[in-house]
Amino acid sequence: MLWIKAWHVIFMVTWFAGLFYLPRLLVNLAMLDRERDLTTHARLLLMARKLYRFMTLLAVPALAFGLWLWLGYGIRGGWLQAKLVLVVLLAGYHHACGSLLSKFERGANTRSHVWYRWFNELPVVIFLIVSILVVVKPF
């Protein structure tokens, strides 16, 4: 089971790296004047699109190894149930990032860069809470 846990942590960390960076690219896209800087806009969209595909590939094994651990250990304690709720929120956040990216690709973004800056902080908060839940197991 320790190998499964190690792979879960590896894929989880790499998935989070994408979740930290993709919203930052969306901040930069929201700050650009699309008509004035087509080259930079196209480059940021390409980077965001490739990152989203890559982080989706990382999320799948992270979730699969996590499910394997859950089935192997069972649900014990409220900390794990709280973590599972946060993982579901994180999967929703991942999906929301894809939806927002699609809006940029269609030229239909309606949100400001300030909104994206706040949106960018959500995975950090989830990461902190999940880390504390897993290490401390407060309940």
Protein backbone atom coordinates (compact mmCIF):
# COMPACT_ATOMS: atom_id res chain seq x y z
CA MET A 1 0.00 0.00 0.00
CA LEU A 2 2.92 2.37 0.52
CA TRP A 3 3.69 2.28 -3.22
CA ILE A 4 0.09 3.20 -3.98
CA LYS A 5 0.30 6.06 -1.48
CA ALA A 6 3.58 7.26 -3.04
CA TRP A 7 2.08 7.30 -6.55
CA HIS A 8 -1.03 9.05 -5.24
CA VAL A 9 1.10 11.80 -3.69
CA ILE A 10 3.26 12.16 -6.82
CA PHE A 11 0.28 12.55 -9.15
CA MET A 12 -1.59 14.75 -6.68
CA VAL A 13 1.36 17.16 -6.40
CA THR A 14 1.77 17.37 -10.17
CA TRP A 15 -1.99 17.89 -10.64
CA PHE A 16 -1.90 20.71 -8.09
CA ALA A 17 1.01 22.32 -9.94
CA GLY A 18 -1.27 22.63 -12.96
CA LEU A 19 -4.17 23.86 -10.82
CA PHE A 20 -1.89 26.56 -9.41
CA TYR A 21 -0.58 27.68 -12.81
CA LEU A 22 -3.56 27.46 -15.19
CA PRO A 23 -5.64 30.11 -13.36
CA ARG A 24 -2.57 32.36 -13.44
CA LEU A 25 -2.56 32.03 -17.23
CA LEU A 26 -6.24 32.98 -17.18
CA VAL A 27 -5.36 36.11 -15.17
CA ASN A 28 -2.86 37.06 -17.87
CA LEU A 29 -5.38 36.37 -20.63
CA ALA A 30 -7.96 38.56 -18.89
CA MET A 31 -5.43 41.40 -18.63
CA LEU A 32 -4.60 41.36 -22.35
CA ASP A 33 -6.24 43.47 -25.00
CA ARG A 34 -6.93 40.65 -27.45
CA GLU A 35 -7.14 42.93 -30.46
CA ARG A 36 -3.86 44.71 -29.74
CA ASP A 37 -1.72 41.73 -28.83
CA LEU A 38 -2.86 38.78 -30.91
CA THR A 39 0.49 36.99 -30.72
CA THR A 40 0.68 36.99 -26.93
CA HIS A 41 -3.00 36.08 -26.68
CA ALA A 42 -2.52 33.12 -29.03
CA ARG A 43 0.59 31.99 -27.14
CA LEU A 44 -1.15 32.14 -23.74
CA LEU A 45 -4.15 30.24 -25.10
CA LEU A 46 -1.87 27.55 -26.51
CA MET A 47 -0.02 27.25 -23.19
CA ALA A 48 -3.28 27.09 -21.25
CA ARG A 49 -4.81 24.51 -23.59
CA LYS A 50 -1.74 22.24 -23.40
CA LEU A 51 -1.53 22.64 -19.63
CA TYR A 52 -5.22 21.80 -19.18
CA ARG A 53 -4.85 18.60 -21.21
CA PHE A 54 -1.70 17.64 -19.31
CA MET A 55 -3.15 18.32 -15.88
CA THR A 56 -6.25 16.30 -16.79
CA LEU A 57 -3.95 13.37 -17.57
CA LEU A 58 -2.35 13.86 -14.14
CA ALA A 59 -5.67 14.12 -12.31
CA VAL A 60 -6.89 10.73 -13.50
CA PRO A 61 -4.15 8.63 -11.84
CA ALA A 62 -4.19 10.91 -8.76
CA LEU A 63 -7.89 10.17 -8.31
CA ALA A 64 -7.49 6.49 -9.22
CA PHE A 65 -4.68 5.91 -6.72
CA GLY A 66 -6.65 7.85 -4.11
CA LEU A 67 -9.68 5.64 -4.74
CA TRP A 68 -7.46 2.56 -4.45
CA LEU A 69 -6.18 3.81 -1.08
CA TRP A 70 -9.70 4.60 0.08
CA LEU A 71 -10.92 1.11 -0.86
CA GLY A 72 -7.83 -0.44 0.75
CA TYR A 73 -8.08 1.43 4.04
CA GLY A 74 -11.80 2.18 4.15
CA ILE A 75 -13.32 5.36 5.52
CA ARG A 76 -11.98 5.94 9.01
CA GLY A 77 -12.52 9.25 10.67
CA GLY A 78 -14.10 12.50 9.75
CA TRP A 79 -10.85 13.85 8.34
CA LEU A 80 -11.07 11.46 5.37
CA GLN A 81 -14.69 12.33 4.69
CA ALA A 82 -13.78 16.04 4.77
CA LYS A 83 -10.87 15.35 2.41
CA LEU A 84 -13.17 13.54 -0.02
CA VAL A 85 -15.54 16.51 -0.07
CA LEU A 86 -12.59 18.78 -0.89
CA VAL A 87 -11.41 16.40 -3.63
CA VAL A 88 -14.86 16.59 -5.23
CA LEU A 89 -14.66 20.41 -5.02
CA LEU A 90 -11.21 20.25 -6.58
CA ALA A 91 -12.48 18.12 -9.47
CA GLY A 92 -15.23 20.72 -9.97
CA TYR A 93 -12.62 23.49 -9.90
CA HIS A 94 -10.62 21.60 -12.54
CA HIS A 95 -13.73 21.39 -14.72
CA ALA A 96 -14.45 25.10 -14.14
CA CYS A 97 -10.93 25.93 -15.34
CA GLY A 98 -11.68 24.06 -18.57
CA SER A 99 -14.97 25.92 -19.00
CA LEU A 100 -13.29 29.28 -18.44
CA LEU A 101 -10.56 28.38 -20.90
CA SER A 102 -13.22 27.51 -23.50
CA LYS A 103 -14.74 30.97 -23.01
CA PHE A 104 -11.37 32.57 -23.73
CA GLU A 105 -10.99 30.43 -26.84
CA ARG A 106 -14.40 31.60 -28.08
CA GLY A 107 -13.67 35.22 -27.15
CA ALA A 108 -16.57 35.15 -24.68
CA ASN A 109 -14.81 35.96 -21.41
CA THR A 110 -16.87 38.35 -19.27
CA ARG A 111 -14.80 38.35 -16.08
CA SER A 112 -12.08 40.76 -14.98
CA HIS A 113 -8.51 39.88 -14.14
CA VAL A 114 -9.33 40.73 -10.51
CA TRP A 115 -11.96 37.96 -10.43
CA TYR A 116 -9.40 35.52 -11.85
CA ARG A 117 -6.89 36.57 -9.19
CA TRP A 118 -9.38 35.56 -6.49
CA PHE A 119 -10.33 32.41 -8.39
CA ASN A 120 -6.60 31.59 -8.52
CA GLU A 121 -6.45 31.34 -4.71
CA LEU A 122 -9.01 28.54 -4.30
CA PRO A 123 -6.66 25.59 -5.01
CA VAL A 124 -4.13 27.03 -2.55
CA VAL A 125 -6.76 27.07 0.20
CA ILE A 126 -7.90 23.54 -0.65
CA PHE A 127 -4.30 22.31 -0.72
CA LEU A 128 -3.63 23.77 2.74
CA ILE A 129 -6.77 22.27 4.26
CA VAL A 130 -6.24 18.84 2.68
CA SER A 131 -2.60 18.78 3.80
CA ILE A 132 -3.59 19.57 7.37
CA LEU A 133 -6.39 16.99 7.30
CA VAL A 134 -4.08 14.24 6.02
CA VAL A 135 -1.13 14.96 8.30
CA VAL A 136 -2.85 16.06 11.53
CA LYS A 137 -6.10 14.05 11.19
CA PRO A 138 -7.89 16.45 13.56
CA PHE A 139 -11.13 14.47 13.76
